[in-house]
PDB file of N, CA and C in Angstrom:
ATOM      1  N   UNK A   1     117.123  86.298 110.773  1.00  0.00           N
ATOM      2  CA  UNK A   1     117.367  87.634 110.280  1.00  0.00           C
ATOM      3  C   UNK A   1     118.684  88.136 110.864  1.00  0.00           C
ATOM      4  N   UNK A   2     118.749  88.323 112.181  1.00  0.00           N
ATOM      5  CA  UNK A   2     119.986  88.698 112.831  1.00  0.00           C
ATOM      6  C   UNK A   2     120.564  87.453 113.481  1.00  0.00           C
ATOM      7  N   UNK A   3     121.867  87.383 113.499  1.00  0.00           N
ATOM      8  CA  UNK A   3     122.519  86.234 114.109  1.00  0.00           C
ATOM      9  C   UNK A   3     122.839  86.574 115.568  1.00  0.00           C
ATOM     10  N   UNK A   4     121.790  86.634 116.375  1.00  0.00           N
ATOM     11  CA  UNK A   4     121.932  86.976 117.788  1.00  0.00           C
ATOM     12  C   UNK A   4     121.581  85.749 118.614  1.00  0.00           C
ATOM     13  N   UNK A   5     122.490  85.384 119.493  1.00  0.00           N
ATOM     14  CA  UNK A   5     122.269  84.231 120.341  1.00  0.00           C
ATOM     15  C   UNK A   5     121.634  84.622 121.668  1.00  0.00           C
ATOM     16  N   UNK A   6     121.486  83.620 122.521  1.00  0.00           N
ATOM     17  CA  UNK A   6     120.850  83.828 123.817  1.00  0.00           C
ATOM     18  C   UNK A   6     121.630  84.801 124.683  1.00  0.00           C
ATOM     19  N   UNK A   7     122.965  84.652 124.728  1.00  0.00           N
ATOM     20  CA  UNK A   7     123.770  85.501 125.611  1.00  0.00           C
ATOM     21  C   UNK A   7     123.787  86.942 125.127  1.00  0.00           C
ATOM     22  N   UNK A   8     123.748  87.157 123.820  1.00  0.00           N
ATOM     23  CA  UNK A   8     123.680  88.525 123.309  1.00  0.00           C
ATOM     24  C   UNK A   8     122.362  89.176 123.716  1.00  0.00           C
ATOM     25  N   UNK A   9     121.270  88.405 123.644  1.00  0.00           N
ATOM     26  CA  UNK A   9     119.977  88.943 124.080  1.00  0.00           C
ATOM     27  C   UNK A   9     119.973  89.259 125.568  1.00  0.00           C
ATOM     28  N   UNK A  10     120.617  88.424 126.356  1.00  0.00           N
ATOM     29  CA  UNK A  10     120.696  88.672 127.802  1.00  0.00           C
ATOM     30  C   UNK A  10     121.477  89.958 128.088  1.00  0.00           C
ATOM     31  N   UNK A  11     122.574  90.176 127.370  1.00  0.00           N
ATOM     32  CA  UNK A  11     123.362  91.399 127.571  1.00  0.00           C
ATOM     33  C   UNK A  11     122.541  92.618 127.180  1.00  0.00           C
ATOM     34  N   UNK A  12     121.803  92.544 126.061  1.00  0.00           N
ATOM     35  CA  UNK A  12     120.949  93.650 125.632  1.00  0.00           C
ATOM     36  C   UNK A  12     119.864  93.908 126.673  1.00  0.00           C
ATOM     37  N   UNK A  13     119.268  92.856 127.237  1.00  0.00           N
ATOM     38  CA  UNK A  13     118.223  93.019 128.249  1.00  0.00           C
ATOM     39  C   UNK A  13     118.780  93.654 129.514  1.00  0.00           C
ATOM     40  N   UNK A  14     119.949  93.230 129.936  1.00  0.00           N
ATOM     41  CA  UNK A  14     120.554  93.800 131.147  1.00  0.00           C
ATOM     42  C   UNK A  14     120.929  95.262 130.919  1.00  0.00           C
ATOM     43  N   UNK A  15     121.466  95.573 129.752  1.00  0.00           N
ATOM     44  CA  UNK A  15     121.812  96.966 129.440  1.00  0.00           C
ATOM     45  C   UNK A  15     120.553  97.830 129.382  1.00  0.00           C
ATOM     46  N   UNK A  16     119.491  97.287 128.806  1.00  0.00           N
ATOM     47  CA  UNK A  16     118.230  98.025 128.767  1.00  0.00           C
ATOM     48  C   UNK A  16     117.690  98.259 130.159  1.00  0.00           C
ATOM     49  N   UNK A  17     117.787  97.287 131.015  1.00  0.00           N
ATOM     50  CA  UNK A  17     117.328  97.415 132.393  1.00  0.00           C
ATOM     51  C   UNK A  17     118.139  98.462 133.145  1.00  0.00           C
ATOM     52  N   UNK A  18     119.445  98.472 132.925  1.00  0.00           N
ATOM     53  CA  UNK A  18     120.306  99.446 133.604  1.00  0.00           C
ATOM     54  C   UNK A  18     120.057 100.854 133.076  1.00  0.00           C
ATOM     55  N   UNK A  19     119.967 100.998 131.759  1.00  0.00           N
ATOM     56  CA  UNK A  19     119.813 102.330 131.160  1.00  0.00           C
ATOM     57  C   UNK A  19     118.415 102.889 131.382  1.00  0.00           C
ATOM     58  N   UNK A  20     117.393 102.096 131.123  1.00  0.00           N
ATOM     59  CA  UNK A  20     116.024 102.594 131.193  1.00  0.00           C
ATOM     60  C   UNK A  20     115.402 102.438 132.576  1.00  0.00           C
ATOM     61  N   UNK A  21     115.809 101.469 133.299  1.00  0.00           N
ATOM     62  CA  UNK A  21     115.206 101.217 134.601  1.00  0.00           C
ATOM     63  C   UNK A  21     113.993 100.317 134.458  1.00  0.00           C
ATOM     64  N   UNK A  22     113.575  99.734 135.582  1.00  0.00           N
ATOM     65  CA  UNK A  22     112.463  98.785 135.516  1.00  0.00           C
ATOM     66  C   UNK A  22     111.109  99.432 135.208  1.00  0.00           C
ATOM     67  N   UNK A  23     110.985 100.747 135.419  1.00  0.00           N
ATOM     68  CA  UNK A  23     109.699 101.410 135.158  1.00  0.00           C
ATOM     69  C   UNK A  23     109.460 101.623 133.663  1.00  0.00           C
ATOM     70  N   UNK A  24     110.523 102.043 132.962  1.00  0.00           N
ATOM     71  CA  UNK A  24     110.359 102.391 131.543  1.00  0.00           C
ATOM     72  C   UNK A  24     110.682 101.253 130.593  1.00  0.00           C
ATOM     73  N   UNK A  25     111.273 100.183 131.054  1.00  0.00           N
ATOM     74  CA  UNK A  25     111.661  99.082 130.172  1.00  0.00           C
ATOM     75  C   UNK A  25     110.473  98.409 129.480  1.00  0.00           C
ATOM     76  N   UNK A  26     109.366  98.089 130.178  1.00  0.00           N
ATOM     77  CA  UNK A  26     108.230  97.475 129.466  1.00  0.00           C
ATOM     78  C   UNK A  26     107.649  98.372 128.374  1.00  0.00           C
ATOM     79  N   UNK A  27     107.594  99.678 128.640  1.00  0.00           N
ATOM     80  CA  UNK A  27     107.093 100.612 127.628  1.00  0.00           C
ATOM     81  C   UNK A  27     108.021 100.640 126.423  1.00  0.00           C
ATOM     82  N   UNK A  28     109.314 100.637 126.663  1.00  0.00           N
ATOM     83  CA  UNK A  28     110.282 100.640 125.565  1.00  0.00           C
ATOM     84  C   UNK A  28     110.172  99.362 124.740  1.00  0.00           C
ATOM     85  N   UNK A  29     109.984  98.236 125.410  1.00  0.00           N
ATOM     86  CA  UNK A  29     109.839  96.963 124.690  1.00  0.00           C
ATOM     87  C   UNK A  29     108.589  96.978 123.818  1.00  0.00           C
ATOM     88  N   UNK A  30     107.480  97.497 124.352  1.00  0.00           N
ATOM     89  CA  UNK A  30     106.243  97.584 123.566  1.00  0.00           C
ATOM     90  C   UNK A  30     106.431  98.496 122.354  1.00  0.00           C
ATOM     91  N   UNK A  31     107.133  99.608 122.558  1.00  0.00           N
ATOM     92  CA  UNK A  31     107.363 100.546 121.458  1.00  0.00           C
ATOM     93  C   UNK A  31     108.208  99.897 120.361  1.00  0.00           C
ATOM     94  N   UNK A  32     109.253  99.222 120.747  1.00  0.00           N
ATOM     95  CA  UNK A  32     110.107  98.553 119.763  1.00  0.00           C
ATOM     96  C   UNK A  32     109.322  97.463 119.039  1.00  0.00           C
ATOM     97  N   UNK A  33     108.500  96.724 119.784  1.00  0.00           N
ATOM     98  CA  UNK A  33     107.680  95.678 119.171  1.00  0.00           C
ATOM     99  C   UNK A  33     106.700  96.281 118.163  1.00  0.00           C
ATOM    100  N   UNK A  34     106.116  97.430 118.501  1.00  0.00           N
ATOM    101  CA  UNK A  34     105.204  98.112 117.575  1.00  0.00           C
ATOM    102  C   UNK A  34     105.938  98.534 116.308  1.00  0.00           C
ATOM    103  N   UNK A  35     107.136  99.074 116.451  1.00  0.00           N
ATOM    104  CA  UNK A  35     107.927  99.476 115.287  1.00  0.00           C
ATOM    105  C   UNK A  35     108.243  98.279 114.407  1.00  0.00           C
ATOM    106  N   UNK A  36     108.651  97.198 115.023  1.00  0.00           N
ATOM    107  CA  UNK A  36     108.999  95.997 114.253  1.00  0.00           C
ATOM    108  C   UNK A  36     107.776  95.461 113.511  1.00  0.00           C
ATOM    109  N   UNK A  37     106.620  95.437 114.182  1.00  0.00           N
ATOM    110  CA  UNK A  37     105.398  94.968 113.519  1.00  0.00           C
ATOM    111  C   UNK A  37     105.003  95.870 112.357  1.00  0.00           C
ATOM    112  N   UNK A  38     105.145  97.180 112.523  1.00  0.00           N
ATOM    113  CA  UNK A  38     104.792  98.081 111.425  1.00  0.00           C
ATOM    114  C   UNK A  38     105.757  97.910 110.256  1.00  0.00           C
ATOM    115  N   UNK A  39     107.019  97.679 110.549  1.00  0.00           N
ATOM    116  CA  UNK A  39     107.997  97.445 109.479  1.00  0.00           C
ATOM    117  C   UNK A  39     107.672  96.137 108.747  1.00  0.00           C
ATOM    118  N   UNK A  40     107.291  95.111 109.488  1.00  0.00           N
ATOM    119  CA  UNK A  40     106.920  93.835 108.860  1.00  0.00           C
ATOM    120  C   UNK A  40     105.692  94.000 107.974  1.00  0.00           C
ATOM    121  N   UNK A  41     104.669  94.720 108.469  1.00  0.00           N
ATOM    122  CA  UNK A  41     103.468  94.948 107.654  1.00  0.00           C
ATOM    123  C   UNK A  41     103.810  95.705 106.381  1.00  0.00           C
ATOM    124  N   UNK A  42     104.648  96.735 106.515  1.00  0.00           N
ATOM    125  CA  UNK A  42     105.049  97.514 105.354  1.00  0.00           C
ATOM    126  C   UNK A  42     105.791  96.649 104.341  1.00  0.00           C
ATOM    127  N   UNK A  43     106.737  95.844 104.824  1.00  0.00           N
ATOM    128  CA  UNK A  43     107.503  95.003 103.893  1.00  0.00           C
ATOM    129  C   UNK A  43     106.617  93.954 103.243  1.00  0.00           C
ATOM    130  N   UNK A  44     105.646  93.407 103.977  1.00  0.00           N
ATOM    131  CA  UNK A  44     104.712  92.447 103.381  1.00  0.00           C
ATOM    132  C   UNK A  44     103.850  93.100 102.318  1.00  0.00           C
ATOM    133  N   UNK A  45     103.399  94.334 102.563  1.00  0.00           N
ATOM    134  CA  UNK A  45     102.572  95.006 101.563  1.00  0.00           C
ATOM    135  C   UNK A  45     103.383  95.329 100.313  1.00  0.00           C
ATOM    136  N   UNK A  46     104.629  95.764 100.506  1.00  0.00           N
ATOM    137  CA  UNK A  46     105.488  96.047  99.349  1.00  0.00           C
ATOM    138  C   UNK A  46     105.751  94.763  98.569  1.00  0.00           C
ATOM    139  N   UNK A  47     105.997  93.683  99.278  1.00  0.00           N
ATOM    140  CA  UNK A  47     106.260  92.411  98.624  1.00  0.00           C
ATOM    141  C   UNK A  47     105.051  91.945  97.826  1.00  0.00           C
ATOM    142  N   UNK A  48     103.854  92.061  98.394  1.00  0.00           N
ATOM    143  CA  UNK A  48     102.664  91.625  97.668  1.00  0.00           C
ATOM    144  C   UNK A  48     102.393  92.522  96.464  1.00  0.00           C
ATOM    145  N   UNK A  49     102.640  93.830  96.599  1.00  0.00           N
ATOM    146  CA  UNK A  49     102.470  94.723  95.458  1.00  0.00           C
ATOM    147  C   UNK A  49     103.448  94.389  94.341  1.00  0.00           C
ATOM    148  N   UNK A  50     104.695  94.088  94.706  1.00  0.00           N
ATOM    149  CA  UNK A  50     105.675  93.720  93.689  1.00  0.00           C
ATOM    150  C   UNK A  50     105.298  92.424  92.985  1.00  0.00           C
ATOM    151  N   UNK A  51     104.825  91.448  93.746  1.00  0.00           N
ATOM    152  CA  UNK A  51     104.390  90.188  93.134  1.00  0.00           C
ATOM    153  C   UNK A  51     103.242  90.426  92.166  1.00  0.00           C
ATOM    154  N   UNK A  52     102.301  91.277  92.564  1.00  0.00           N
ATOM    155  CA  UNK A  52     101.153  91.574  91.710  1.00  0.00           C
ATOM    156  C   UNK A  52     101.604  92.298  90.440  1.00  0.00           C
ATOM    157  N   UNK A  53     102.525  93.242  90.580  1.00  0.00           N
ATOM    158  CA  UNK A  53     103.037  93.952  89.405  1.00  0.00           C
ATOM    159  C   UNK A  53     103.770  93.008  88.464  1.00  0.00           C
ATOM    160  N   UNK A  54     104.559  92.098  89.018  1.00  0.00           N
ATOM    161  CA  UNK A  54     105.256  91.128  88.172  1.00  0.00           C
ATOM    162  C   UNK A  54     104.274  90.208  87.461  1.00  0.00           C
ATOM    163  N   UNK A  55     103.205  89.817  88.158  1.00  0.00           N
ATOM    164  CA  UNK A  55     102.191  88.970  87.530  1.00  0.00           C
ATOM    165  C   UNK A  55     101.492  89.720  86.407  1.00  0.00           C
ATOM    166  N   UNK A  56     101.185  90.984  86.641  1.00  0.00           N
ATOM    167  CA  UNK A  56     100.533  91.796  85.607  1.00  0.00           C
ATOM    168  C   UNK A  56     101.460  91.964  84.413  1.00  0.00           C
ATOM    169  N   UNK A  57     102.739  92.201  84.687  1.00  0.00           N
ATOM    170  CA  UNK A  57     103.698  92.349  83.588  1.00  0.00           C
ATOM    171  C   UNK A  57     103.801  91.064  82.767  1.00  0.00           C
ATOM    172  N   UNK A  58     103.821  89.929  83.460  1.00  0.00           N
ATOM    173  CA  UNK A  58     103.887  88.644  82.763  1.00  0.00           C
ATOM    174  C   UNK A  58     102.630  88.413  81.929  1.00  0.00           C
ATOM    175  N   UNK A  59     101.462  88.720  82.495  1.00  0.00           N
ATOM    176  CA  UNK A  59     100.225  88.566  81.735  1.00  0.00           C
ATOM    177  C   UNK A  59     100.213  89.487  80.516  1.00  0.00           C
ATOM    178  N   UNK A  60     100.728  90.697  80.692  1.00  0.00           N
ATOM    179  CA  UNK A  60     100.767  91.649  79.584  1.00  0.00           C
ATOM    180  C   UNK A  60     101.685  91.149  78.471  1.00  0.00           C
ATOM    181  N   UNK A  61     102.854  90.634  78.840  1.00  0.00           N
ATOM    182  CA  UNK A  61     103.765  90.122  77.812  1.00  0.00           C
ATOM    183  C   UNK A  61     103.172  88.895  77.128  1.00  0.00           C
ATOM    184  N   UNK A  62     102.480  88.049  77.896  1.00  0.00           N
ATOM    185  CA  UNK A  62     101.826  86.885  77.286  1.00  0.00           C
ATOM    186  C   UNK A  62     100.705  87.309  76.348  1.00  0.00           C
ATOM    187  N   UNK A  63      99.996  88.366  76.706  1.00  0.00           N
ATOM    188  CA  UNK A  63      98.939  88.866  75.832  1.00  0.00           C
ATOM    189  C   UNK A  63      99.527  89.401  74.527  1.00  0.00           C
ATOM    190  N   UNK A  64     100.651  90.087  74.620  1.00  0.00           N
ATOM    191  CA  UNK A  64     101.302  90.583  73.394  1.00  0.00           C
ATOM    192  C   UNK A  64     101.723  89.416  72.502  1.00  0.00           C
ATOM    193  N   UNK A  65     102.273  88.376  73.125  1.00  0.00           N
ATOM    194  CA  UNK A  65     102.657  87.195  72.339  1.00  0.00           C
ATOM    195  C   UNK A  65     101.440  86.568  71.679  1.00  0.00           C
ATOM    196  N   UNK A  66     100.329  86.516  72.412  1.00  0.00           N
ATOM    197  CA  UNK A  66      99.107  85.928  71.862  1.00  0.00           C
ATOM    198  C   UNK A  66      98.573  86.771  70.714  1.00  0.00           C
ATOM    199  N   UNK A  67      98.639  88.091  70.852  1.00  0.00           N
ATOM    200  CA  UNK A  67      98.173  88.962  69.768  1.00  0.00           C
ATOM    201  C   UNK A  67      99.044  88.814  68.532  1.00  0.00           C
ATOM    202  N   UNK A  68     100.351  88.624  68.743  1.00  0.00           N
ATOM    203  CA  UNK A  68     101.253  88.443  67.601  1.00  0.00           C
ATOM    204  C   UNK A  68     100.952  87.153  66.857  1.00  0.00           C
ATOM    205  N   UNK A  69     100.533  86.127  67.579  1.00  0.00           N
ATOM    206  CA  UNK A  69     100.193  84.853  66.940  1.00  0.00           C
ATOM    207  C   UNK A  69      98.793  84.881  66.348  1.00  0.00           C
ATOM    208  N   UNK A  70      98.059  85.926  66.598  1.00  0.00           N
ATOM    209  CA  UNK A  70      96.718  86.035  66.040  1.00  0.00           C
ATOM    210  C   UNK A  70      95.677  85.267  66.835  1.00  0.00           C
ATOM    211  N   UNK A  71      95.953  84.996  68.105  1.00  0.00           N
ATOM    212  CA  UNK A  71      95.031  84.297  69.006  1.00  0.00           C
ATOM    213  C   UNK A  71      94.667  82.895  68.501  1.00  0.00           C
ATOM    214  N   UNK A  72      95.572  82.294  67.705  1.00  0.00           N
ATOM    215  CA  UNK A  72      95.360  80.935  67.209  1.00  0.00           C
ATOM    216  C   UNK A  72      96.591  80.102  67.534  1.00  0.00           C
ATOM    217  N   UNK A  73      96.390  78.834  67.781  1.00  0.00           N
ATOM    218  CA  UNK A  73      97.480  77.902  68.071  1.00  0.00           C
ATOM    219  C   UNK A  73      98.385  78.428  69.191  1.00  0.00           C
ATOM    220  N   UNK A  74      97.761  78.778  70.304  1.00  0.00           N
ATOM    221  CA  UNK A  74      98.501  79.329  71.431  1.00  0.00           C
ATOM    222  C   UNK A  74      99.052  78.211  72.310  1.00  0.00           C
ATOM    223  N   UNK A  75     100.158  78.497  72.947  1.00  0.00           N
ATOM    224  CA  UNK A  75     100.694  77.544  73.913  1.00  0.00           C
ATOM    225  C   UNK A  75      99.775  77.537  75.136  1.00  0.00           C
ATOM    226  N   UNK A  76      99.806  76.479  75.920  1.00  0.00           N
ATOM    227  CA  UNK A  76      98.938  76.421  77.104  1.00  0.00           C
ATOM    228  C   UNK A  76      99.185  77.577  78.065  1.00  0.00           C
ATOM    229  N   UNK A  77     100.435  78.023  78.185  1.00  0.00           N
ATOM    230  CA  UNK A  77     100.751  79.137  79.074  1.00  0.00           C
ATOM    231  C   UNK A  77     100.086  80.425  78.593  1.00  0.00           C
ATOM    232  N   UNK A  78     100.164  80.681  77.280  1.00  0.00           N
ATOM    233  CA  UNK A  78      99.540  81.883  76.727  1.00  0.00           C
ATOM    234  C   UNK A  78      98.025  81.807  76.820  1.00  0.00           C
ATOM    235  N   UNK A  79      97.486  80.628  76.582  1.00  0.00           N
ATOM    236  CA  UNK A  79      96.040  80.456  76.664  1.00  0.00           C
ATOM    237  C   UNK A  79      95.542  80.687  78.094  1.00  0.00           C
ATOM    238  N   UNK A  80      96.301  80.181  79.057  1.00  0.00           N
ATOM    239  CA  UNK A  80      95.927  80.378  80.465  1.00  0.00           C
ATOM    240  C   UNK A  80      95.977  81.859  80.835  1.00  0.00           C
ATOM    241  N   UNK A  81      96.999  82.564  80.373  1.00  0.00           N
ATOM    242  CA  UNK A  81      97.106  83.994  80.641  1.00  0.00           C
ATOM    243  C   UNK A  81      95.957  84.756  80.002  1.00  0.00           C
ATOM    244  N   UNK A  82      95.603  84.389  78.803  1.00  0.00           N
ATOM    245  CA  UNK A  82      94.503  85.045  78.105  1.00  0.00           C
ATOM    246  C   UNK A  82      93.190  84.815  78.832  1.00  0.00           C
ATOM    247  N   UNK A  83      92.963  83.590  79.291  1.00  0.00           N
ATOM    248  CA  UNK A  83      91.741  83.298  80.054  1.00  0.00           C
ATOM    249  C   UNK A  83      91.735  84.047  81.379  1.00  0.00           C
ATOM    250  N   UNK A  84      92.884  84.157  82.008  1.00  0.00           N
ATOM    251  CA  UNK A  84      92.978  84.898  83.269  1.00  0.00           C
ATOM    252  C   UNK A  84      92.655  86.371  83.051  1.00  0.00           C
ATOM    253  N   UNK A  85      93.152  86.934  81.965  1.00  0.00           N
ATOM    254  CA  UNK A  85      92.855  88.332  81.660  1.00  0.00           C
ATOM    255  C   UNK A  85      91.375  88.531  81.354  1.00  0.00           C
ATOM    256  N   UNK A  86      90.785  87.591  80.633  1.00  0.00           N
ATOM    257  CA  UNK A  86      89.359  87.703  80.324  1.00  0.00           C
ATOM    258  C   UNK A  86      88.513  87.640  81.591  1.00  0.00           C
ATOM    259  N   UNK A  87      88.849  86.722  82.495  1.00  0.00           N
ATOM    260  CA  UNK A  87      88.075  86.618  83.736  1.00  0.00           C
ATOM    261  C   UNK A  87      88.273  87.855  84.606  1.00  0.00           C
ATOM    262  N   UNK A  88      89.483  88.408  84.634  1.00  0.00           N
ATOM    263  CA  UNK A  88      89.727  89.632  85.404  1.00  0.00           C
ATOM    264  C   UNK A  88      88.933  90.795  84.827  1.00  0.00           C
ATOM    265  N   UNK A  89      88.853  90.860  83.510  1.00  0.00           N
ATOM    266  CA  UNK A  89      88.071  91.928  82.882  1.00  0.00           C
ATOM    267  C   UNK A  89      86.586  91.778  83.197  1.00  0.00           C
ATOM    268  N   UNK A  90      86.086  90.543  83.204  1.00  0.00           N
ATOM    269  CA  UNK A  90      84.682  90.317  83.545  1.00  0.00           C
ATOM    270  C   UNK A  90      84.403  90.700  84.997  1.00  0.00           C
ATOM    271  N   UNK A  91      85.314  90.356  85.904  1.00  0.00           N
ATOM    272  CA  UNK A  91      85.133  90.708  87.309  1.00  0.00           C
ATOM    273  C   UNK A  91      85.168  92.214  87.506  1.00  0.00           C
ATOM    274  N   UNK A  92      86.006  92.892  86.729  1.00  0.00           N
ATOM    275  CA  UNK A  92      86.121  94.340  86.866  1.00  0.00           C
ATOM    276  C   UNK A  92      84.871  95.049  86.356  1.00  0.00           C
ATOM    277  N   UNK A  93      84.237  94.513  85.318  1.00  0.00           N
ATOM    278  CA  UNK A  93      83.059  95.175  84.758  1.00  0.00           C
ATOM    279  C   UNK A  93      81.768  94.760  85.437  1.00  0.00           C
ATOM    280  N   UNK A  94      81.779  93.680  86.202  1.00  0.00           N
ATOM    281  CA  UNK A  94      80.562  93.177  86.839  1.00  0.00           C
ATOM    282  C   UNK A  94      79.895  94.214  87.762  1.00  0.00           C
ATOM    283  N   UNK A  95      80.618  94.899  88.648  1.00  0.00           N
ATOM    284  CA  UNK A  95      79.945  95.887  89.503  1.00  0.00           C
ATOM    285  C   UNK A  95      79.305  97.009  88.700  1.00  0.00           C
ATOM    286  N   UNK A  96      79.948  97.401  87.595  1.00  0.00           N
ATOM    287  CA  UNK A  96      79.391  98.471  86.780  1.00  0.00           C
ATOM    288  C   UNK A  96      78.139  98.001  86.046  1.00  0.00           C
ATOM    289  N   UNK A  97      78.132  96.739  85.634  1.00  0.00           N
ATOM    290  CA  UNK A  97      76.944  96.203  84.970  1.00  0.00           C
ATOM    291  C   UNK A  97      75.770  96.161  85.932  1.00  0.00           C
ATOM    292  N   UNK A  98      76.033  95.798  87.200  1.00  0.00           N
ATOM    293  CA  UNK A  98      74.964  95.755  88.196  1.00  0.00           C
ATOM    294  C   UNK A  98      74.438  97.154  88.460  1.00  0.00           C
ATOM    295  N   UNK A  99      75.320  98.139  88.556  1.00  0.00           N
ATOM    296  CA  UNK A  99      74.890  99.513  88.792  1.00  0.00           C
ATOM    297  C   UNK A  99      74.090 100.049  87.612  1.00  0.00           C
ATOM    298  N   UNK A 100      74.533  99.718  86.395  1.00  0.00           N
ATOM    299  CA  UNK A 100      73.799 100.211  85.227  1.00  0.00           C
ATOM    300  C   UNK A 100      72.429  99.546  85.141  1.00  0.00           C
ATOM    301  N   UNK A 101      72.331  98.268  85.533  1.00  0.00           N
ATOM    302  CA  UNK A 101      71.032  97.591  85.540  1.00  0.00           C
ATOM    303  C   UNK A 101      70.116  98.221  86.576  1.00  0.00           C
ATOM    304  N   UNK A 102      70.670  98.568  87.740  1.00  0.00           N
ATOM    305  CA  UNK A 102      69.866  99.228  88.772  1.00  0.00           C
ATOM    306  C   UNK A 102      69.417 100.602  88.295  1.00  0.00           C
ATOM    307  N   UNK A 103      70.298 101.322  87.634  1.00  0.00           N
ATOM    308  CA  UNK A 103      69.934 102.643  87.114  1.00  0.00           C
ATOM    309  C   UNK A 103      68.867 102.531  86.036  1.00  0.00           C
ATOM    310  N   UNK A 104      68.953 101.494  85.198  1.00  0.00           N
ATOM    311  CA  UNK A 104      67.934 101.285  84.170  1.00  0.00           C
ATOM    312  C   UNK A 104      66.577 101.022  84.810  1.00  0.00           C
ATOM    313  N   UNK A 105      66.556 100.209  85.868  1.00  0.00           N
ATOM    314  CA  UNK A 105      65.297  99.914  86.573  1.00  0.00           C
ATOM    315  C   UNK A 105      64.746 101.188  87.189  1.00  0.00           C
ATOM    316  N   UNK A 106      65.595 102.003  87.778  1.00  0.00           N
ATOM    317  CA  UNK A 106      65.139 103.249  88.391  1.00  0.00           C
ATOM    318  C   UNK A 106      64.569 104.197  87.337  1.00  0.00           C
ATOM    319  N   UNK A 107      65.225 104.247  86.185  1.00  0.00           N
ATOM    320  CA  UNK A 107      64.737 105.142  85.127  1.00  0.00           C
ATOM    321  C   UNK A 107      63.418 104.631  84.554  1.00  0.00           C
ATOM    322  N   UNK A 108      63.254 103.298  84.478  1.00  0.00           N
ATOM    323  CA  UNK A 108      61.973 102.745  84.004  1.00  0.00           C
ATOM    324  C   UNK A 108      60.855 103.062  84.990  1.00  0.00           C
ATOM    325  N   UNK A 109      61.143 102.975  86.280  1.00  0.00           N
ATOM    326  CA  UNK A 109      60.140 103.269  87.299  1.00  0.00           C
ATOM    327  C   UNK A 109      59.774 104.741  87.252  1.00  0.00           C
ATOM    328  N   UNK A 110      60.741 105.623  87.079  1.00  0.00           N
ATOM    329  CA  UNK A 110      60.458 107.052  87.031  1.00  0.00           C
ATOM    330  C   UNK A 110      59.728 107.410  85.744  1.00  0.00           C
ATOM    331  N   UNK A 111      60.008 106.686  84.646  1.00  0.00           N
ATOM    332  CA  UNK A 111      59.293 106.942  83.393  1.00  0.00           C
ATOM    333  C   UNK A 111      57.837 106.456  83.472  1.00  0.00           C
ATOM    334  N   UNK A 112      57.605 105.404  84.245  1.00  0.00           N
ATOM    335  CA  UNK A 112      56.236 104.874  84.384  1.00  0.00           C
ATOM    336  C   UNK A 112      55.358 105.824  85.175  1.00  0.00           C
ATOM    337  N   UNK A 113      55.937 106.644  86.021  1.00  0.00           N
ATOM    338  CA  UNK A 113      55.140 107.562  86.839  1.00  0.00           C
ATOM    339  C   UNK A 113      54.707 108.662  85.994  1.00  0.00           C
TER     340      UNK A 113
END
C-alpha cells in the first residue's frame, strides 16, 4: 500500500517516542491500529456491496435478454442467470411460506376450539 521501508518506520517510531513519550506511545499505537482496522472493515464492506450490486445488475440484464428471446433457446450464460434468479426468489419466499403455514396451523387450532 505505502512504499515505506524499514528505516522510514524506524524514524517514525523514534519521532513518536520523542513526541509522545514512552507512556502514551502504546496507547497511540493501539488507537491508530483501531482506526486502520475500522477503515479496512469499511472498505471490505463497500467492496462486497459493490460486487453484489454488479452481480445483481448483470443478472438483471441477462434476465432482460432472456425475456427478449422469449425464454427459449437461451445461451448457457443466460440460462444460468435465470436459474440463479429462480433459486434466489425461492429462498426469499421460503421464510414467508413457513410463517404462513404456521399461521394456518394456528388458525386451524383456534377454529377447532
